[in-house]
Amino acid sequence: MGEQISDGGRETAKAAKTAAAGGSASAKKAAPARKTPARKTPAKKATAQKATAKKPAAKKAAPARGPAAKQASARKAAAAKSSAALKKAPAPRKQVVAPKKATASVPAAPAKTVAAHPQGESRTALVRRARRINRELAEVYPYAHPELDFENPFQLVVATVLSAQTTDLRVNQTTPALFAKYPTPEDLAAADPEEVEEILRPTGFFRAKTKSVIGLSKALVEQFGGEVPGRLEELVKLPGVGRKTAFVVLGNAFGRPGITVDTHFQRLVRRWKWTDETDPDKIEAAVGALFPKSDWTDLSHHVIWHGRRICHARKPACGACPIAPLCPAYGEGETDPEKAEKLLKYEKAGRPGQRLRPPQAYLDAGGRAAPPLGAG
């Protein structure tokens, strides 16, 4: 009996041990199933995040390998530099180009730029207005001519030199005695200066003028065989002869066009706003650019005649001016027609002109010859 109990107790103990072992084994097997991501510690999470963040940075910092990669890198660097330079560089300024002005062809000296009318007159409008003024003056003075008496180029060049700082009338009254005593360049070149001075005294500045006319006579004899040259570059080499005198001689003794820029011409072309220049050579070029060359000589006569008879320096007769609608300076003088008529001179006022021996066309038009020196 005792042996059976002990054997039974042993079996019971073994069964208990087996059950206990099975329980622990099942407990061990179930333990992994209970683990969840939420149970991971914060330290482990931070470590995982750092590792994840470092991976792409490591990829970016990894240097490129091989020649192709180096060339690509160099191209990227150059492109970056050029884009940076473009961002820093200031925007280029737009260049304002002035519109080209139309210019009329001038066969002689190069034309200067003519200033536009203050009220905005265009170059084309200026040319049209200037030529219309000349046409109007041609109708007013159809007999316009040089107002110095002469019979040949020598007399004309001498008379023109003497006309400085005096009137053509005074010269015309003086030269008959001069040419009667010294009719040729050879005669005047050999003249006694004191005798010539006495003849030229009425013209003013007679000593200087005596020196000039005797000097130019000697130059004509020595350099040109006693003949007046018909070229501008040769005429201006003579003593007392400038461009104005040369153009008077060329236009009226040789029939070669030229513009005579005397004090009347200068005053009127500025009043009419043909030019703002003050230098005679620049005025000549500027006005010459407005007209064909064939008009230059007659244009000079028209302007000078108008300046002597109507458009005076101190008090122009605006009320009697035939070109008043075309004149920008209208109103500078007397505008009342009756008062303006009293300001007219020479044949416009019913008085004699400046020539003792004027052209027949002038006489036919009603002009009167000037009286000789010493006549009432």
Protein backbone atom coordinates (compact mmCIF):
# COMPACT_ATOMS: atom_id res chain seq x y z
CA MET A 1 0.00 0.00 0.00
CA GLY A 2 2.79 2.30 0.99
CA GLU A 3 4.67 1.57 -2.19
CA GLN A 4 1.53 2.39 -4.25
CA ILE A 5 1.00 5.77 -2.49
CA SER A 6 4.53 6.81 -3.03
CA ASP A 7 4.31 5.89 -6.61
CA GLY A 8 1.10 7.84 -6.99
CA GLY A 9 2.57 10.86 -5.26
CA ARG A 10 5.51 10.79 -7.58
CA GLU A 11 3.21 10.77 -10.58
CA THR A 12 1.22 13.60 -9.14
CA ALA A 13 4.37 15.66 -8.57
CA LYS A 14 5.56 14.93 -12.06
CA ALA A 15 2.21 16.03 -13.44
CA ALA A 16 2.39 19.20 -11.44
CA LYS A 17 5.90 19.96 -12.68
CA THR A 18 4.81 19.26 -16.23
CA ALA A 19 1.89 21.65 -15.89
CA ALA A 20 4.10 24.28 -14.36
CA ALA A 21 6.62 23.91 -17.16
CA GLY A 22 3.90 24.12 -19.76
CA GLY A 23 2.55 27.29 -18.16
CA SER A 24 5.92 28.94 -18.14
CA ALA A 25 6.53 27.87 -21.71
CA SER A 26 3.20 29.31 -22.84
CA ALA A 27 3.95 32.41 -20.91
CA LYS A 28 7.28 32.72 -22.67
CA LYS A 29 5.65 32.21 -26.07
CA ALA A 30 2.97 34.82 -25.41
CA ALA A 31 5.42 37.51 -24.25
CA PRO A 32 6.61 38.60 -27.75
CA ALA A 33 2.99 39.16 -28.88
CA ARG A 34 2.52 41.69 -26.09
CA LYS A 35 5.37 43.94 -27.38
CA THR A 36 4.07 47.03 -29.37
CA PRO A 37 5.83 50.01 -31.04
CA ALA A 38 4.29 52.30 -28.43
CA ARG A 39 6.45 50.70 -25.83
CA LYS A 40 9.70 51.82 -27.47
CA THR A 41 11.58 54.30 -25.31
CA PRO A 42 11.98 57.99 -26.35
CA ALA A 43 15.72 57.57 -26.58
CA LYS A 44 15.35 54.94 -29.25
CA LYS A 45 12.91 57.17 -31.22
CA ALA A 46 15.31 60.11 -31.20
CA THR A 47 18.13 57.91 -32.35
CA ALA A 48 16.02 56.63 -35.25
CA GLN A 49 15.03 60.17 -36.29
CA LYS A 50 18.65 61.37 -36.26
CA ALA A 51 19.70 58.47 -38.40
CA THR A 52 16.87 59.17 -40.86
CA ALA A 53 17.77 62.91 -41.04
CA LYS A 54 21.45 62.26 -41.59
CA LYS A 55 20.99 59.94 -44.54
CA PRO A 56 19.88 62.51 -47.19
CA ALA A 57 22.47 65.05 -45.98
CA ALA A 58 25.13 62.47 -46.41
CA LYS A 59 23.92 61.82 -49.94
CA LYS A 60 24.04 65.57 -50.81
CA ALA A 61 27.47 66.07 -49.40
CA ALA A 62 28.83 63.10 -51.22
CA PRO A 63 31.24 64.40 -53.87
CA ALA A 64 30.55 63.53 -57.51
CA ARG A 65 32.88 61.09 -59.06
CA GLY A 66 34.19 60.86 -62.60
CA PRO A 67 35.03 63.50 -65.35
CA ALA A 68 31.40 63.91 -66.47
CA ALA A 69 30.34 64.80 -62.95
CA LYS A 70 33.18 67.35 -62.63
CA GLN A 71 32.18 69.06 -65.91
CA ALA A 72 28.54 69.24 -64.80
CA SER A 73 29.60 70.77 -61.51
CA ALA A 74 31.74 73.38 -63.31
CA ARG A 75 28.84 74.30 -65.60
CA LYS A 76 26.52 74.74 -62.63
CA ALA A 77 29.03 77.02 -60.89
CA ALA A 78 29.48 79.18 -64.00
CA ALA A 79 25.74 79.50 -64.46
CA ALA A 80 25.36 80.54 -60.82
CA LYS A 81 28.04 83.24 -61.20
CA SER A 82 26.49 84.66 -64.39
CA SER A 83 23.02 84.81 -62.82
CA ALA A 84 24.45 86.59 -59.79
CA ALA A 85 26.21 89.12 -62.04
CA LEU A 86 23.02 89.77 -63.96
CA LYS A 87 21.13 90.41 -60.74
CA LYS A 88 23.76 92.90 -59.52
CA ALA A 89 24.23 94.71 -62.87
CA PRO A 90 22.03 97.83 -63.25
CA ALA A 91 19.47 97.90 -66.00
CA PRO A 92 20.86 99.53 -69.16
CA ARG A 93 19.61 103.05 -69.84
CA LYS A 94 17.64 103.70 -72.98
CA GLN A 95 19.50 105.97 -75.37
CA VAL A 96 17.46 108.85 -76.69
CA VAL A 97 18.35 109.55 -80.31
CA ALA A 98 17.45 112.97 -81.65
CA PRO A 99 15.45 112.88 -84.88
CA LYS A 100 17.42 113.77 -87.98
CA LYS A 101 16.68 117.13 -89.51
CA ALA A 102 16.20 117.56 -93.16
CA THR A 103 18.92 119.67 -94.75
CA ALA A 104 18.92 121.41 -98.06
CA SER A 105 21.90 120.85 -100.31
CA VAL A 106 24.23 123.83 -100.60
CA PRO A 107 26.79 123.90 -103.42
CA ALA A 108 29.08 126.31 -101.57
CA ALA A 109 30.17 126.31 -97.92
CA PRO A 110 28.73 123.54 -95.72
CA ALA A 111 25.47 124.63 -94.28
CA LYS A 112 25.17 125.11 -90.57
CA THR A 113 22.34 123.86 -88.63
CA VAL A 114 19.51 126.53 -88.69
CA ALA A 115 17.76 127.10 -85.37
CA ALA A 116 14.02 126.30 -85.34
CA HIS A 117 11.44 129.06 -84.81
CA PRO A 118 10.82 129.70 -81.07
CA GLN A 119 7.16 128.79 -81.55
CA GLY A 120 8.08 125.37 -82.86
CA GLU A 121 8.40 126.06 -86.58
CA SER A 122 9.75 123.03 -88.41
CA ARG A 123 12.67 123.13 -90.81
CA THR A 124 10.37 122.63 -93.79
CA ALA A 125 8.05 125.41 -92.65
CA LEU A 126 11.03 127.72 -92.16
CA VAL A 127 12.27 127.11 -95.71
CA ARG A 128 8.81 127.74 -97.14
CA ARG A 129 8.33 130.94 -95.15
CA ALA A 130 11.79 132.27 -96.04
CA ARG A 131 11.26 131.66 -99.76
CA ARG A 132 7.82 133.23 -99.64
CA ILE A 133 9.31 136.35 -98.03
CA ASN A 134 11.85 136.56 -100.83
CA ARG A 135 9.11 136.23 -103.47
CA GLU A 136 7.07 138.98 -101.79
CA LEU A 137 10.11 141.28 -101.65
CA ALA A 138 10.85 140.60 -105.33
CA GLU A 139 7.42 142.03 -106.16
CA VAL A 140 7.98 145.03 -103.92
CA TYR A 141 11.48 145.73 -105.30
CA PRO A 142 11.52 144.45 -108.90
CA TYR A 143 14.27 146.94 -109.71
CA ALA A 144 16.53 145.97 -106.79
CA HIS A 145 20.21 146.29 -107.74
CA PRO A 146 23.58 147.07 -106.16
CA GLU A 147 23.41 150.66 -104.94
CA LEU A 148 27.00 151.51 -105.78
CA ASP A 149 27.86 153.23 -109.05
CA PHE A 150 30.41 151.29 -111.11
CA GLU A 151 31.37 150.64 -114.70
CA ASN A 152 33.80 147.72 -114.28
CA PRO A 153 34.95 145.22 -111.62
CA PHE A 154 37.81 147.50 -110.50
CA GLN A 155 35.47 150.40 -109.74
CA LEU A 156 33.07 148.06 -107.93
CA VAL A 157 35.71 146.52 -105.66
CA VAL A 158 37.11 149.97 -104.76
CA ALA A 159 33.63 151.41 -104.13
CA THR A 160 32.67 148.44 -101.94
CA VAL A 161 35.80 148.87 -99.80
CA LEU A 162 34.96 152.57 -99.39
CA SER A 163 31.34 151.80 -98.35
CA ALA A 164 32.42 150.57 -94.89
CA GLN A 165 31.04 152.75 -92.07
CA THR A 166 29.21 155.05 -94.48
CA THR A 167 26.30 155.10 -96.94
CA ASP A 168 26.38 154.01 -100.54
CA LEU A 169 25.11 157.46 -101.44
CA ARG A 170 28.17 159.09 -99.89
CA VAL A 171 30.45 156.69 -101.78
CA ASN A 172 28.64 157.37 -105.06
CA GLN A 173 29.13 161.07 -104.53
CA THR A 174 32.87 160.60 -103.86
CA THR A 175 34.06 158.04 -106.42
CA PRO A 176 33.50 160.12 -109.59
CA ALA A 177 36.41 162.38 -108.65
CA LEU A 178 38.55 159.40 -107.58
CA PHE A 179 38.06 157.42 -110.81
CA ALA A 180 38.41 160.51 -112.95
CA LYS A 181 41.93 161.01 -111.57
CA TYR A 182 42.86 157.31 -111.13
CA PRO A 183 40.88 155.27 -113.69
CA THR A 184 43.00 152.07 -113.55
CA PRO A 185 44.69 149.93 -110.89
CA GLU A 186 48.08 151.04 -112.19
CA ASP A 187 47.13 154.71 -111.70
CA LEU A 188 45.80 154.23 -108.18
CA ALA A 189 48.75 152.04 -107.19
CA ALA A 190 51.16 154.89 -108.05
CA ALA A 191 49.02 157.63 -106.47
CA ASP A 192 50.15 160.02 -103.76
CA PRO A 193 48.42 158.88 -100.54
CA GLU A 194 47.81 162.45 -99.38
CA GLU A 195 45.97 163.33 -102.56
CA VAL A 196 43.83 160.19 -102.30
CA GLU A 197 43.07 160.96 -98.64
CA GLU A 198 41.79 164.39 -99.56
CA ILE A 199 39.38 162.89 -102.12
CA LEU A 200 38.14 160.18 -99.74
CA ARG A 201 37.72 162.46 -96.72
CA PRO A 202 33.88 162.66 -97.04
CA THR A 203 33.56 158.86 -96.62
CA GLY A 204 35.08 158.82 -93.14
CA PHE A 205 38.09 156.78 -91.96
CA PHE A 206 39.78 158.18 -95.05
CA ARG A 207 43.36 157.33 -94.02
CA ALA A 208 42.63 153.65 -93.50
CA LYS A 209 40.55 153.52 -96.68
CA THR A 210 43.32 155.23 -98.66
CA LYS A 211 45.77 152.60 -97.49
CA SER A 212 43.36 149.81 -98.47
CA VAL A 213 42.52 151.02 -102.00
CA ILE A 214 46.14 151.79 -102.85
CA GLY A 215 47.22 148.42 -101.40
CA LEU A 216 44.63 146.41 -103.32
CA SER A 217 45.54 148.30 -106.52
CA LYS A 218 49.19 147.32 -106.06
CA ALA A 219 48.17 143.70 -105.42
CA LEU A 220 46.06 143.66 -108.59
CA VAL A 221 49.00 144.96 -110.62
CA GLU A 222 51.63 142.69 -109.07
CA GLN A 223 49.63 139.47 -108.69
CA PHE A 224 46.86 139.58 -111.31
CA GLY A 225 48.18 141.79 -114.10
CA GLY A 226 45.91 144.69 -113.23
CA GLU A 227 42.71 142.57 -113.54
CA VAL A 228 40.24 141.82 -110.76
CA PRO A 229 40.13 138.05 -110.19
CA GLY A 230 36.79 136.29 -110.46
CA ARG A 231 37.37 133.73 -107.71
CA LEU A 232 36.51 134.06 -104.03
CA GLU A 233 39.77 132.62 -102.69
CA GLU A 234 41.77 135.15 -104.72
CA LEU A 235 39.60 138.17 -103.98
CA VAL A 236 39.80 137.76 -100.20
CA LYS A 237 43.61 137.99 -100.43
CA LEU A 238 43.39 141.62 -101.55
CA PRO A 239 43.88 144.28 -98.82
CA GLY A 240 40.55 145.45 -97.39
CA VAL A 241 38.54 142.74 -99.17
CA GLY A 242 36.56 140.26 -97.08
CA ARG A 243 33.87 137.74 -97.96
CA LYS A 244 31.14 140.40 -98.05
CA THR A 245 33.04 142.57 -100.52
CA ALA A 246 34.07 139.53 -102.53
CA PHE A 247 30.46 138.35 -102.94
CA VAL A 248 29.34 141.84 -104.00
CA VAL A 249 31.97 141.78 -106.75
CA LEU A 250 31.33 138.16 -107.78
CA GLY A 251 27.54 138.55 -107.90
CA ASN A 252 27.33 141.93 -109.60
CA ALA A 253 30.46 142.13 -111.77
CA PHE A 254 30.89 138.45 -112.72
CA GLY A 255 27.36 137.07 -112.40
CA ARG A 256 28.42 134.44 -109.84
CA PRO A 257 25.90 133.95 -107.00
CA GLY A 258 26.83 135.06 -103.53
CA ILE A 259 25.22 136.29 -100.30
CA THR A 260 26.17 139.77 -99.10
CA VAL A 261 25.95 139.82 -95.30
CA ASP A 262 26.02 143.51 -94.38
CA THR A 263 24.48 145.13 -91.29
CA HIS A 264 21.00 145.32 -92.85
CA PHE A 265 21.09 141.67 -93.92
CA GLN A 266 22.19 140.53 -90.47
CA ARG A 267 19.47 142.50 -88.72
CA LEU A 268 16.60 141.34 -90.90
CA VAL A 269 17.38 137.62 -91.08
CA ARG A 270 17.50 137.50 -87.28
CA ARG A 271 14.21 139.41 -87.00
CA TRP A 272 12.64 136.95 -89.38
CA LYS A 273 14.08 134.02 -87.38
CA TRP A 274 15.88 132.59 -90.36
CA THR A 275 18.87 132.10 -88.06
CA ASP A 276 20.06 133.08 -84.59
CA GLU A 277 23.71 133.26 -85.62
CA THR A 278 25.65 136.50 -85.15
CA ASP A 279 28.86 135.70 -87.01
CA PRO A 280 28.63 136.87 -90.67
CA ASP A 281 30.17 133.68 -92.07
CA LYS A 282 27.72 131.50 -90.11
CA ILE A 283 24.80 133.71 -91.18
CA GLU A 284 25.89 133.34 -94.79
CA ALA A 285 25.96 129.55 -94.52
CA ALA A 286 22.68 129.29 -92.59
CA VAL A 287 20.69 131.53 -94.93
CA GLY A 288 22.30 130.00 -98.02
CA ALA A 289 20.95 126.62 -96.90
CA LEU A 290 17.38 127.94 -97.18
CA PHE A 291 17.60 128.98 -100.84
CA PRO A 292 18.89 127.60 -104.13
CA LYS A 293 22.24 129.08 -105.11
CA SER A 294 20.75 130.85 -108.11
CA ASP A 295 18.69 133.07 -105.75
CA TRP A 296 21.56 134.25 -103.56
CA THR A 297 22.51 137.51 -105.33
CA ASP A 298 18.96 138.80 -105.83
CA LEU A 299 18.04 137.68 -102.31
CA SER A 300 20.82 139.90 -100.96
CA HIS A 301 19.48 142.91 -102.91
CA HIS A 302 15.91 142.31 -101.73
CA VAL A 303 16.83 142.01 -98.06
CA ILE A 304 19.23 144.97 -98.07
CA TRP A 305 16.77 147.21 -99.91
CA HIS A 306 14.00 146.32 -97.45
CA GLY A 307 16.29 147.05 -94.51
CA ARG A 308 17.20 150.49 -95.87
CA ARG A 309 13.68 151.55 -96.81
CA ILE A 310 11.22 149.95 -94.37
CA CYS A 311 12.69 147.60 -91.74
CA HIS A 312 15.03 150.09 -90.06
CA ALA A 313 17.32 149.31 -87.14
CA ARG A 314 15.84 151.59 -84.49
CA LYS A 315 12.22 152.00 -85.58
CA PRO A 316 10.94 149.67 -88.27
CA ALA A 317 7.84 150.75 -90.18
CA CYS A 318 5.79 147.65 -89.33
CA GLY A 319 2.52 149.31 -90.33
CA ALA A 320 3.81 149.83 -93.90
CA CYS A 321 5.59 146.47 -94.25
CA PRO A 322 4.35 144.26 -97.13
CA ILE A 323 5.53 141.06 -95.40
CA ALA A 324 4.11 141.82 -91.94
CA PRO A 325 1.98 138.60 -91.84
CA LEU A 326 5.16 136.55 -92.33
CA CYS A 327 7.32 138.42 -89.80
CA PRO A 328 7.75 137.01 -86.25
CA ALA A 329 9.02 140.45 -85.13
CA TYR A 330 5.94 142.37 -86.22
CA GLY A 331 5.12 144.98 -83.58
CA GLU A 332 8.68 145.92 -82.68
CA GLY A 333 8.19 149.12 -84.68
CA GLU A 334 5.37 151.48 -85.51
CA THR A 335 2.22 149.55 -86.44
CA ASP A 336 -0.05 152.50 -87.22
CA PRO A 337 -0.13 152.75 -91.06
CA GLU A 338 -0.11 156.55 -91.17
CA LYS A 339 2.75 156.91 -88.70
CA ALA A 340 4.66 154.04 -90.31
CA GLU A 341 4.42 155.68 -93.74
CA LYS A 342 6.35 158.67 -92.41
CA LEU A 343 9.27 156.37 -91.56
CA LEU A 344 9.81 155.21 -95.15
CA LYS A 345 13.01 156.20 -96.95
CA TYR A 346 14.29 156.78 -100.48
CA GLU A 347 11.87 156.10 -103.32
CA LYS A 348 9.29 154.59 -100.90
CA ALA A 349 9.05 158.06 -99.39
CA GLY A 350 9.13 159.84 -102.75
CA ARG A 351 12.76 160.85 -102.39
CA PRO A 352 15.87 160.10 -104.50
CA GLY A 353 17.73 156.80 -104.24
CA GLN A 354 21.44 156.33 -103.62
CA ARG A 355 22.84 156.04 -107.14
CA LEU A 356 23.82 158.93 -109.33
CA ARG A 357 23.65 156.64 -112.37
CA PRO A 358 21.04 154.00 -111.54
CA PRO A 359 19.93 151.26 -113.98
CA GLN A 360 17.23 152.22 -116.45
CA ALA A 361 14.83 149.69 -114.90
CA TYR A 362 14.96 151.63 -111.67
CA LEU A 363 14.16 154.88 -113.44
CA ASP A 364 11.36 153.21 -115.40
CA ALA A 365 9.83 152.02 -112.11
CA GLY A 366 9.65 155.59 -110.84
CA GLY A 367 12.98 155.76 -109.03
CA ARG A 368 14.95 158.98 -108.87
CA ALA A 369 18.70 159.36 -109.18
CA ALA A 370 20.68 160.77 -106.24
CA PRO A 371 22.15 164.26 -106.46
CA PRO A 372 25.93 164.67 -106.94
CA LEU A 373 28.22 165.67 -104.11
CA GLY A 374 27.72 169.32 -103.13
CA ALA A 375 24.36 169.67 -104.88
CA GLY A 376 21.62 171.33 -102.78
